[in-house]
Amino acid sequence: MNYSFAVLILAIKIFHTLVFFFLSGCVLYILYCGIANRYTRSTKGAILFVIFEGVILALNGWQCPLTTLAQRFGAAQPDVASLFLPRWLADHIFEICTPLFVLSSALLLVRRLTVRKSNS
């Protein structure tokens, strides 16, 4: 592998890791908002970011475009998928984050509907 490609792959992995932490923070923030019955512009933004990521993944065959990009530069699949996370966590991101997002969003929706009905 060429040195410049190795640097590009490293940059992609760093960016990929930052995106992972940002989106994970969005999911946890949505959970917090559901528990605290708080719904703000930030809540809407977090939900939209996670949904946008889901659409991107769906359009790319459930593979992150950053993984595809890194593979084009010569990265091996296990190397890219790991981001800078423990292997187990990298392998189970979807199994953890998807149900957490769905449950958090459902909790937030139920709390919002309950508040609206009690105010009527």
Protein backbone atom coordinates (compact mmCIF):
# COMPACT_ATOMS: atom_id res chain seq x y z
CA MET A 1 0.00 0.00 0.00
CA ASN A 2 1.23 3.44 -0.91
CA TYR A 3 2.14 5.82 1.97
CA SER A 4 -0.32 8.48 0.75
CA PHE A 5 -3.11 5.86 0.64
CA ALA A 6 -2.22 4.79 4.19
CA VAL A 7 -2.56 8.41 5.32
CA LEU A 8 -5.91 8.72 3.53
CA ILE A 9 -7.16 5.52 5.15
CA LEU A 10 -6.07 6.78 8.56
CA ALA A 11 -7.90 10.08 7.94
CA ILE A 12 -11.03 8.20 6.86
CA LYS A 13 -10.89 6.01 9.97
CA ILE A 14 -10.49 9.05 12.23
CA PHE A 15 -13.40 10.83 10.53
CA HIS A 16 -15.47 7.61 10.63
CA THR A 17 -14.81 7.28 14.35
CA LEU A 18 -15.82 10.90 14.96
CA VAL A 19 -19.04 10.37 13.00
CA PHE A 20 -19.73 7.23 15.06
CA PHE A 21 -19.31 9.14 18.35
CA PHE A 22 -21.43 12.04 17.10
CA LEU A 23 -24.29 9.77 15.98
CA SER A 24 -24.05 7.69 19.16
CA GLY A 25 -24.29 10.93 21.11
CA CYS A 26 -27.40 11.81 19.09
CA VAL A 27 -29.00 8.46 20.00
CA LEU A 28 -28.15 8.92 23.70
CA TYR A 29 -29.47 12.48 23.60
CA ILE A 30 -32.76 11.25 22.13
CA LEU A 31 -32.96 8.71 24.96
CA TYR A 32 -32.31 11.47 27.50
CA CYS A 33 -35.01 13.62 25.89
CA GLY A 34 -37.47 10.74 26.06
CA ILE A 35 -36.73 10.11 29.75
CA ALA A 36 -36.75 13.82 30.65
CA ASN A 37 -39.78 14.56 28.45
CA ARG A 38 -37.78 17.25 26.71
CA TYR A 39 -38.36 18.08 23.05
CA THR A 40 -36.35 20.93 21.51
CA ARG A 41 -34.78 21.90 18.20
CA SER A 42 -31.73 19.92 19.31
CA THR A 43 -33.92 16.84 19.75
CA LYS A 44 -35.30 17.28 16.23
CA GLY A 45 -31.79 17.75 14.89
CA ALA A 46 -30.51 14.60 16.60
CA ILE A 47 -33.40 12.57 15.21
CA LEU A 48 -32.84 13.95 11.71
CA PHE A 49 -29.09 13.18 11.84
CA VAL A 50 -29.75 9.56 12.81
CA ILE A 51 -32.47 9.15 10.17
CA PHE A 52 -30.19 10.74 7.56
CA GLU A 53 -27.46 8.24 8.45
CA GLY A 54 -29.99 5.41 8.11
CA VAL A 55 -31.01 6.62 4.66
CA ILE A 56 -27.36 6.85 3.57
CA LEU A 57 -26.72 3.31 4.81
CA ALA A 58 -29.86 1.97 3.13
CA LEU A 59 -28.92 3.58 -0.18
CA ASN A 60 -25.43 2.09 0.06
CA GLY A 61 -26.49 -1.51 0.71
CA TRP A 62 -26.20 -1.18 4.52
CA GLN A 63 -22.51 -0.42 4.29
CA CYS A 64 -21.08 2.92 5.31
CA PRO A 65 -19.82 4.91 2.32
CA LEU A 66 -16.69 5.71 4.31
CA THR A 67 -15.91 2.00 4.47
CA THR A 68 -16.36 1.76 0.70
CA LEU A 69 -14.11 4.77 0.22
CA ALA A 70 -11.37 3.36 2.44
CA GLN A 71 -11.54 0.03 0.61
CA ARG A 72 -10.97 1.85 -2.67
CA PHE A 73 -7.70 3.11 -1.22
CA GLY A 74 -6.67 -0.42 -0.26
CA ALA A 75 -7.92 -0.89 3.28
CA ALA A 76 -8.92 -4.40 4.28
CA GLN A 77 -12.55 -4.78 5.42
CA PRO A 78 -11.75 -5.76 9.05
CA ASP A 79 -9.37 -2.82 9.32
CA VAL A 80 -12.00 -0.32 8.18
CA ALA A 81 -14.92 -1.71 10.13
CA SER A 82 -13.05 -1.48 13.40
CA LEU A 83 -12.87 2.31 13.27
CA PHE A 84 -10.92 3.03 16.42
CA LEU A 85 -13.23 0.92 18.56
CA PRO A 86 -12.91 -2.49 20.15
CA ARG A 87 -13.65 -5.22 17.59
CA TRP A 88 -16.74 -6.50 19.46
CA LEU A 89 -18.31 -3.04 19.58
CA ALA A 90 -17.54 -2.35 15.93
CA ASP A 91 -19.17 -5.66 14.96
CA HIS A 92 -22.34 -4.94 16.96
CA ILE A 93 -22.94 -1.24 16.35
CA PHE A 94 -26.16 -1.76 14.40
CA GLU A 95 -27.50 -4.32 16.88
CA ILE A 96 -26.96 -1.86 19.72
CA CYS A 97 -27.74 1.53 18.20
CA THR A 98 -30.77 0.66 16.07
CA PRO A 99 -32.97 -0.75 18.87
CA LEU A 100 -31.79 2.00 21.20
CA PHE A 101 -32.77 4.65 18.64
CA VAL A 102 -36.16 3.02 17.97
CA LEU A 103 -36.95 2.61 21.68
CA SER A 104 -35.74 6.13 22.49
CA SER A 105 -37.82 7.62 19.69
CA ALA A 106 -40.87 5.59 20.76
CA LEU A 107 -40.43 6.74 24.37
CA LEU A 108 -40.14 10.34 23.22
CA LEU A 109 -43.24 10.00 21.03
CA VAL A 110 -45.29 8.42 23.84
CA ARG A 111 -44.20 11.14 26.26
CA ARG A 112 -45.05 13.86 23.75
CA LEU A 113 -48.49 12.37 23.00
CA THR A 114 -49.21 11.95 26.72
CA VAL A 115 -48.36 15.60 27.37
CA ARG A 116 -50.59 16.76 24.51
CA LYS A 117 -53.55 14.69 25.73
CA SER A 118 -53.18 15.92 29.32
CA ASN A 119 -53.09 19.54 28.11
CA SER A 120 -56.29 19.14 26.08
